[in-house]
Amino acid sequence: MPAPDDVSPLMTLANEFATVEVELDGSANGPRLRILDPASGVSIALDPLELYSLAWARHEDLLGLLQPSLRDRLPWTPALPRT
């Protein structure tokens, strides 16, 4: 378990579609932004390079993550399990 000084307090972001908890985690090899889905317990830790890449993404680039039914029509396939 990381020391309390290595993790920032949780910030909760919510709207009518989703709720996520976000925190800065410094317990790994460098800082990471950890994003948690409290409903499922699934989380991801993104390093600065991944966040940099996300900052350059267009909303259209995220469409396959938001609308799984469109995955087969995209030029790339997100690494998500099919339902």
Protein backbone atom coordinates (compact mmCIF):
# COMPACT_ATOMS: atom_id res chain seq x y z
CA MET A 1 0.00 0.00 0.00
CA PRO A 2 1.46 3.40 -0.92
CA ALA A 3 2.32 5.87 1.78
CA PRO A 4 -0.29 8.62 2.22
CA ASP A 5 2.19 11.22 0.91
CA ASP A 6 2.45 9.36 -2.41
CA VAL A 7 -1.24 9.60 -3.32
CA SER A 8 -3.32 12.76 -3.66
CA PRO A 9 -6.88 12.94 -2.37
CA LEU A 10 -9.55 11.50 -4.64
CA MET A 11 -11.52 13.83 -6.84
CA THR A 12 -14.91 12.58 -8.00
CA LEU A 13 -16.23 13.60 -11.41
CA ALA A 14 -19.81 12.69 -12.27
CA ASN A 15 -22.58 13.39 -14.72
CA GLU A 16 -25.75 11.58 -15.76
CA PHE A 17 -23.75 8.96 -17.69
CA ALA A 18 -20.77 8.07 -15.51
CA THR A 19 -18.90 8.60 -12.27
CA VAL A 20 -15.12 8.31 -11.97
CA GLU A 21 -12.63 8.96 -9.21
CA VAL A 22 -9.29 10.53 -10.13
CA GLU A 23 -6.10 10.79 -8.10
CA LEU A 24 -2.42 11.52 -8.60
CA ASP A 25 -0.42 8.43 -7.63
CA GLY A 26 3.29 8.89 -6.99
CA SER A 27 3.92 5.43 -5.57
CA ALA A 28 5.08 3.91 -8.89
CA ASN A 29 8.17 4.73 -10.94
CA GLY A 30 7.11 8.33 -11.56
CA PRO A 31 3.76 10.07 -11.18
CA ARG A 32 0.62 8.54 -12.64
CA LEU A 33 -2.96 9.73 -12.93
CA ARG A 34 -5.17 6.92 -11.65
CA ILE A 35 -8.76 6.83 -12.91
CA LEU A 36 -11.18 4.50 -11.12
CA ASP A 37 -14.70 3.40 -12.00
CA PRO A 38 -16.17 3.01 -8.50
CA ALA A 39 -19.12 0.98 -9.80
CA SER A 40 -16.93 -1.85 -11.13
CA GLY A 41 -13.65 -1.25 -9.30
CA VAL A 42 -11.77 -1.13 -12.63
CA SER A 43 -8.95 1.41 -12.79
CA ILE A 44 -6.13 2.54 -15.03
CA ALA A 45 -2.96 4.45 -14.19
CA LEU A 46 -1.77 6.75 -16.98
CA ASP A 47 1.79 8.07 -17.13
CA PRO A 48 2.69 11.53 -18.48
CA LEU A 49 3.36 10.23 -22.00
CA GLU A 50 -0.05 8.54 -22.15
CA LEU A 51 -1.71 11.72 -20.89
CA TYR A 52 0.22 13.78 -23.45
CA SER A 53 -1.09 11.51 -26.20
CA LEU A 54 -4.61 11.80 -24.82
CA ALA A 55 -4.35 15.59 -24.86
CA TRP A 56 -3.74 15.43 -28.62
CA ALA A 57 -6.67 13.06 -29.22
CA ARG A 58 -9.79 14.33 -30.92
CA HIS A 59 -13.22 13.44 -29.62
CA GLU A 60 -13.66 11.30 -32.72
CA ASP A 61 -10.61 9.26 -31.63
CA LEU A 62 -12.52 8.21 -28.49
CA LEU A 63 -15.71 7.27 -30.31
CA GLY A 64 -14.90 3.55 -30.31
CA LEU A 65 -14.56 3.62 -26.54
CA LEU A 66 -17.84 5.44 -26.06
CA GLN A 67 -19.93 3.65 -28.69
CA PRO A 68 -18.80 0.00 -28.92
CA SER A 69 -21.32 -0.72 -31.70
CA LEU A 70 -19.20 1.42 -34.06
CA ARG A 71 -15.97 -0.53 -33.46
CA ASP A 72 -16.22 -2.58 -36.64
CA ARG A 73 -16.48 0.59 -38.75
CA LEU A 74 -13.37 2.23 -37.30
CA PRO A 75 -9.96 1.99 -39.02
CA TRP A 76 -8.52 0.70 -35.72
CA THR A 77 -9.99 -1.47 -33.00
CA PRO A 78 -9.77 -0.36 -29.36
CA ALA A 79 -8.58 -3.04 -26.96
CA LEU A 80 -11.95 -3.58 -25.32
CA PRO A 81 -13.75 -6.86 -24.72
CA ARG A 82 -16.68 -7.43 -27.04
CA THR A 83 -20.08 -7.73 -25.39
